[in-house]
C-alpha cells in the first residue's frame, strides 16, 4: 500500500457536492481515503475567473500504481463534468481537478505523469492543505518539508481556510 496525496479543486457548479462525489468515487475505485484537509478558497491561479476555487487535500491508501491512479482520477474528473481545453494550457474554470501531488516518496517521470507534481512548490493553494495534513512530509526531490516549501513559496495569491 502507498499513500497518494491528491489535491481536489473546483470553481464551477456546486463545489461541495462535487467534492463529496469525487471522494465517493475515489473511495470506490482508487483506495481508502484516510485523511482530508479543511476546505480552502483560493483565487484562480494562472487565469482570470469570477468564481474562486474550493481546494482540499485527500490522502488515499492505494494499491494502484501511479499511472493507474492517474487514469482513474482522469475518468472521475470527466464523470464530474470536467471538459479539458488544451488550447488554454489547462488554466480554465472546471468542475473537478484531481492532481496527484505525491505518491509515497516516489519520483515518477514518464511522458504522461510527473510525481511529485512539478509546480506544487509554487502554489499556496496546494501547500496550505499539505501543511495542515502532512507538514513534516519531505519532498523527495527537494529534500524539504511542506512547511519549508511554504516558507520559500513566492506565490502570494489569496488562499483562505473555510471554517
C-alpha atoms as a PDB file:
ATOM      1  CA  UNK A   1       0.000   0.000   0.000  1.00  0.00           C
ATOM      2  CA  UNK A   2       1.121   3.539  -0.759  1.00  0.00           C
ATOM      3  CA  UNK A   3      -0.209   6.875   0.389  1.00  0.00           C
ATOM      4  CA  UNK A   4      -1.251   9.044  -2.522  1.00  0.00           C
ATOM      5  CA  UNK A   5      -1.825  12.747  -1.824  1.00  0.00           C
ATOM      6  CA  UNK A   6      -4.375  14.247  -4.194  1.00  0.00           C
ATOM      7  CA  UNK A   7      -5.412  17.879  -4.487  1.00  0.00           C
ATOM      8  CA  UNK A   8      -9.057  18.491  -5.360  1.00  0.00           C
ATOM      9  CA  UNK A   9     -10.009  21.776  -6.995  1.00  0.00           C
ATOM     10  CA  UNK A  10     -13.283  23.139  -8.371  1.00  0.00           C
ATOM     11  CA  UNK A  11     -14.622  26.564  -9.301  1.00  0.00           C
ATOM     12  CA  UNK A  12     -17.793  25.574 -11.171  1.00  0.00           C
ATOM     13  CA  UNK A  13     -21.138  24.256 -10.009  1.00  0.00           C
ATOM     14  CA  UNK A  14     -21.933  23.053  -6.504  1.00  0.00           C
ATOM     15  CA  UNK A  15     -18.309  22.675  -5.406  1.00  0.00           C
ATOM     16  CA  UNK A  16     -19.057  20.948  -2.097  1.00  0.00           C
ATOM     17  CA  UNK A  17     -21.368  18.431  -3.749  1.00  0.00           C
ATOM     18  CA  UNK A  18     -18.795  17.752  -6.474  1.00  0.00           C
ATOM     19  CA  UNK A  19     -16.141  17.246  -3.772  1.00  0.00           C
ATOM     20  CA  UNK A  20     -18.357  14.724  -1.968  1.00  0.00           C
ATOM     21  CA  UNK A  21     -18.987  12.873  -5.245  1.00  0.00           C
ATOM     22  CA  UNK A  22     -15.255  12.864  -6.021  1.00  0.00           C
ATOM     23  CA  UNK A  23     -14.496  11.370  -2.590  1.00  0.00           C
ATOM     24  CA  UNK A  24     -17.114   8.652  -3.066  1.00  0.00           C
ATOM     25  CA  UNK A  25     -15.689   7.716  -6.470  1.00  0.00           C
ATOM     26  CA  UNK A  26     -12.091   7.795  -5.210  1.00  0.00           C
ATOM     27  CA  UNK A  27     -13.028   5.568  -2.260  1.00  0.00           C
ATOM     28  CA  UNK A  28     -14.770   3.108  -4.597  1.00  0.00           C
ATOM     29  CA  UNK A  29     -12.118   2.973  -7.333  1.00  0.00           C
ATOM     30  CA  UNK A  30      -8.756   4.078  -6.009  1.00  0.00           C
ATOM     31  CA  UNK A  31      -8.368   3.098  -2.381  1.00  0.00           C
ATOM     32  CA  UNK A  32      -9.349   4.152   1.106  1.00  0.00           C
ATOM     33  CA  UNK A  33      -9.437   7.849   1.999  1.00  0.00           C
ATOM     34  CA  UNK A  34      -7.574   8.072   5.322  1.00  0.00           C
ATOM     35  CA  UNK A  35      -7.318  11.850   5.762  1.00  0.00           C
ATOM     36  CA  UNK A  36      -8.620  15.106   4.307  1.00  0.00           C
ATOM     37  CA  UNK A  37      -7.701  18.725   4.805  1.00  0.00           C
ATOM     38  CA  UNK A  38     -10.019  21.540   5.689  1.00  0.00           C
ATOM     39  CA  UNK A  39     -11.620  23.373   2.802  1.00  0.00           C
ATOM     40  CA  UNK A  40      -9.711  26.293   1.319  1.00  0.00           C
ATOM     41  CA  UNK A  41     -10.945  29.009  -1.001  1.00  0.00           C
ATOM     42  CA  UNK A  42      -8.390  30.326  -3.466  1.00  0.00           C
ATOM     43  CA  UNK A  43      -8.359  32.855  -6.222  1.00  0.00           C
ATOM     44  CA  UNK A  44      -7.814  31.425  -9.716  1.00  0.00           C
ATOM     45  CA  UNK A  45      -4.141  30.739 -10.463  1.00  0.00           C
ATOM     46  CA  UNK A  46      -2.807  31.328 -13.976  1.00  0.00           C
ATOM     47  CA  UNK A  47      -6.026  32.762 -15.440  1.00  0.00           C
ATOM     48  CA  UNK A  48      -8.887  35.158 -14.733  1.00  0.00           C
ATOM     49  CA  UNK A  49     -12.269  33.915 -13.472  1.00  0.00           C
ATOM     50  CA  UNK A  50     -15.030  35.301 -11.252  1.00  0.00           C
ATOM     51  CA  UNK A  51     -15.506  32.118  -9.214  1.00  0.00           C
ATOM     52  CA  UNK A  52     -12.822  31.206  -6.706  1.00  0.00           C
ATOM     53  CA  UNK A  53     -11.700  27.601  -6.223  1.00  0.00           C
ATOM     54  CA  UNK A  54     -12.565  25.172  -3.479  1.00  0.00           C
ATOM     55  CA  UNK A  55      -9.391  23.186  -2.713  1.00  0.00           C
ATOM     56  CA  UNK A  56      -8.945  20.190  -0.412  1.00  0.00           C
ATOM     57  CA  UNK A  57      -6.204  17.634   0.077  1.00  0.00           C
ATOM     58  CA  UNK A  58      -7.246  13.974   0.012  1.00  0.00           C
ATOM     59  CA  UNK A  59      -4.944  11.252   1.366  1.00  0.00           C
ATOM     60  CA  UNK A  60      -5.631   7.809  -0.110  1.00  0.00           C
ATOM     61  CA  UNK A  61      -4.112   4.461   0.789  1.00  0.00           C
ATOM     62  CA  UNK A  62      -3.944   2.622  -2.506  1.00  0.00           C
ATOM     63  CA  UNK A  63      -2.665  -0.490  -4.203  1.00  0.00           C
ATOM     64  CA  UNK A  64      -2.890   1.176  -7.633  1.00  0.00           C
ATOM     65  CA  UNK A  65       0.331   2.032  -9.426  1.00  0.00           C
ATOM     66  CA  UNK A  66       0.771   5.773 -10.151  1.00  0.00           C
ATOM     67  CA  UNK A  67      -0.263   5.567 -13.823  1.00  0.00           C
ATOM     68  CA  UNK A  68      -3.366   3.521 -12.985  1.00  0.00           C
ATOM     69  CA  UNK A  69      -4.249   6.015 -10.245  1.00  0.00           C
ATOM     70  CA  UNK A  70      -3.930   8.911 -12.690  1.00  0.00           C
ATOM     71  CA  UNK A  71      -6.162   7.143 -15.242  1.00  0.00           C
ATOM     72  CA  UNK A  72      -8.831   6.620 -12.565  1.00  0.00           C
ATOM     73  CA  UNK A  73      -8.625  10.269 -11.481  1.00  0.00           C
ATOM     74  CA  UNK A  74      -8.952  11.484 -15.086  1.00  0.00           C
ATOM     75  CA  UNK A  75     -12.025   9.262 -15.537  1.00  0.00           C
ATOM     76  CA  UNK A  76     -13.524  10.633 -12.309  1.00  0.00           C
ATOM     77  CA  UNK A  77     -12.888  14.224 -13.441  1.00  0.00           C
ATOM     78  CA  UNK A  78     -14.700  13.504 -16.724  1.00  0.00           C
ATOM     79  CA  UNK A  79     -17.642  11.896 -14.896  1.00  0.00           C
ATOM     80  CA  UNK A  80     -17.904  15.006 -12.738  1.00  0.00           C
ATOM     81  CA  UNK A  81     -18.193  17.200 -15.827  1.00  0.00           C
ATOM     82  CA  UNK A  82     -14.597  18.277 -16.439  1.00  0.00           C
ATOM     83  CA  UNK A  83     -14.016  19.383 -20.009  1.00  0.00           C
ATOM     84  CA  UNK A  84     -10.389  19.871 -20.974  1.00  0.00           C
ATOM     85  CA  UNK A  85      -9.355  22.754 -23.241  1.00  0.00           C
ATOM     86  CA  UNK A  86      -5.785  22.019 -24.398  1.00  0.00           C
ATOM     87  CA  UNK A  87      -5.556  25.407 -26.114  1.00  0.00           C
ATOM     88  CA  UNK A  88      -5.645  27.167 -22.711  1.00  0.00           C
ATOM     89  CA  UNK A  89      -2.723  25.205 -21.289  1.00  0.00           C
ATOM     90  CA  UNK A  90      -5.096  23.718 -18.717  1.00  0.00           C
ATOM     91  CA  UNK A  91      -5.765  27.019 -16.958  1.00  0.00           C
ATOM     92  CA  UNK A  92      -9.513  27.404 -17.142  1.00  0.00           C
ATOM     93  CA  UNK A  93     -12.570  27.075 -14.927  1.00  0.00           C
ATOM     94  CA  UNK A  94     -13.508  23.479 -14.158  1.00  0.00           C
ATOM     95  CA  UNK A  95     -15.928  21.353 -12.193  1.00  0.00           C
ATOM     96  CA  UNK A  96     -13.246  18.997 -10.906  1.00  0.00           C
ATOM     97  CA  UNK A  97      -9.478  18.881 -10.942  1.00  0.00           C
ATOM     98  CA  UNK A  98      -7.708  15.953  -9.251  1.00  0.00           C
ATOM     99  CA  UNK A  99      -3.930  16.294  -9.169  1.00  0.00           C
ATOM    100  CA  UNK A 100      -1.545  13.751  -7.693  1.00  0.00           C
ATOM    101  CA  UNK A 101       0.836  15.805  -5.566  1.00  0.00           C
ATOM    102  CA  UNK A 102       2.760  12.889  -4.055  1.00  0.00           C
ATOM    103  CA  UNK A 103       2.720   9.111  -4.375  1.00  0.00           C
ATOM    104  CA  UNK A 104       4.531   7.998  -1.240  1.00  0.00           C
ATOM    105  CA  UNK A 105       8.113   9.207  -1.560  1.00  0.00           C
ATOM    106  CA  UNK A 106       8.349   8.052  -5.156  1.00  0.00           C
ATOM    107  CA  UNK A 107       9.631  10.134  -8.034  1.00  0.00           C
ATOM    108  CA  UNK A 108       7.797   9.317 -11.273  1.00  0.00           C
ATOM    109  CA  UNK A 109       8.857  10.800 -14.606  1.00  0.00           C
ATOM    110  CA  UNK A 110       7.022   9.452 -17.642  1.00  0.00           C
ATOM    111  CA  UNK A 111       5.656  11.042 -20.815  1.00  0.00           C
ATOM    112  CA  UNK A 112       2.224  11.342 -19.211  1.00  0.00           C
ATOM    113  CA  UNK A 113       2.927  11.744 -15.483  1.00  0.00           C
ATOM    114  CA  UNK A 114       5.289  13.649 -13.201  1.00  0.00           C
ATOM    115  CA  UNK A 115       5.249  12.987  -9.446  1.00  0.00           C
ATOM    116  CA  UNK A 116       5.775  14.907  -7.237  1.00  0.00           C
ATOM    117  CA  UNK A 117       3.595  17.442  -9.016  1.00  0.00           C
ATOM    118  CA  UNK A 118       6.089  19.709 -10.814  1.00  0.00           C
ATOM    119  CA  UNK A 119       4.542  23.008  -9.653  1.00  0.00           C
ATOM    120  CA  UNK A 120       3.205  22.211  -6.180  1.00  0.00           C
ATOM    121  CA  UNK A 121       6.044  24.160  -4.519  1.00  0.00           C
ATOM    122  CA  UNK A 122       4.927  27.283  -6.435  1.00  0.00           C
ATOM    123  CA  UNK A 123       1.279  27.181  -5.327  1.00  0.00           C
ATOM    124  CA  UNK A 124      -0.041  28.326  -1.949  1.00  0.00           C
ATOM    125  CA  UNK A 125      -3.380  26.638  -2.637  1.00  0.00           C
ATOM    126  CA  UNK A 126      -1.562  23.278  -2.673  1.00  0.00           C
ATOM    127  CA  UNK A 127       0.954  23.971   0.096  1.00  0.00           C
ATOM    128  CA  UNK A 128      -1.504  25.220   2.735  1.00  0.00           C
ATOM    129  CA  UNK A 129      -3.586  22.000   2.791  1.00  0.00           C
ATOM    130  CA  UNK A 130      -0.363  19.957   2.663  1.00  0.00           C
ATOM    131  CA  UNK A 131       0.986  21.883   5.661  1.00  0.00           C
ATOM    132  CA  UNK A 132      -2.236  21.218   7.548  1.00  0.00           C
ATOM    133  CA  UNK A 133      -2.213  17.439   6.964  1.00  0.00           C
ATOM    134  CA  UNK A 134       1.455  16.445   6.411  1.00  0.00           C
ATOM    135  CA  UNK A 135       3.608  19.440   7.430  1.00  0.00           C
ATOM    136  CA  UNK A 136       6.751  17.371   8.033  1.00  0.00           C
ATOM    137  CA  UNK A 137       6.472  15.207   4.897  1.00  0.00           C
ATOM    138  CA  UNK A 138       9.701  15.635   2.935  1.00  0.00           C
ATOM    139  CA  UNK A 139       9.551  16.396  -0.785  1.00  0.00           C
ATOM    140  CA  UNK A 140      11.574  13.540  -2.304  1.00  0.00           C
ATOM    141  CA  UNK A 141      13.332  15.717  -4.888  1.00  0.00           C
ATOM    142  CA  UNK A 142      13.846  18.967  -2.947  1.00  0.00           C
ATOM    143  CA  UNK A 143      14.533  17.332   0.440  1.00  0.00           C
ATOM    144  CA  UNK A 144      12.387  19.953   2.210  1.00  0.00           C
ATOM    145  CA  UNK A 145       9.268  19.615   4.353  1.00  0.00           C
ATOM    146  CA  UNK A 146       5.969  21.095   3.233  1.00  0.00           C
ATOM    147  CA  UNK A 147       6.395  23.795   5.871  1.00  0.00           C
ATOM    148  CA  UNK A 148       9.809  24.703   4.443  1.00  0.00           C
ATOM    149  CA  UNK A 149       8.391  24.760   0.904  1.00  0.00           C
ATOM    150  CA  UNK A 150       5.613  27.123   2.005  1.00  0.00           C
ATOM    151  CA  UNK A 151       8.115  29.485   3.649  1.00  0.00           C
ATOM    152  CA  UNK A 152      10.060  29.647   0.361  1.00  0.00           C
ATOM    153  CA  UNK A 153       6.991  29.973  -1.883  1.00  0.00           C
ATOM    154  CA  UNK A 154       6.770  33.164  -3.947  1.00  0.00           C
ATOM    155  CA  UNK A 155       3.050  32.763  -4.659  1.00  0.00           C
ATOM    156  CA  UNK A 156       1.229  35.448  -2.719  1.00  0.00           C
ATOM    157  CA  UNK A 157      -2.241  34.812  -4.164  1.00  0.00           C
ATOM    158  CA  UNK A 158      -5.054  34.810  -1.654  1.00  0.00           C
ATOM    159  CA  UNK A 159      -5.983  31.489  -0.062  1.00  0.00           C
ATOM    160  CA  UNK A 160      -8.482  31.378   2.821  1.00  0.00           C
ATOM    161  CA  UNK A 161      -9.334  28.478   5.084  1.00  0.00           C
ATOM    162  CA  UNK A 162     -13.108  27.977   5.175  1.00  0.00           C
ATOM    163  CA  UNK A 163     -14.359  27.497   8.732  1.00  0.00           C
END
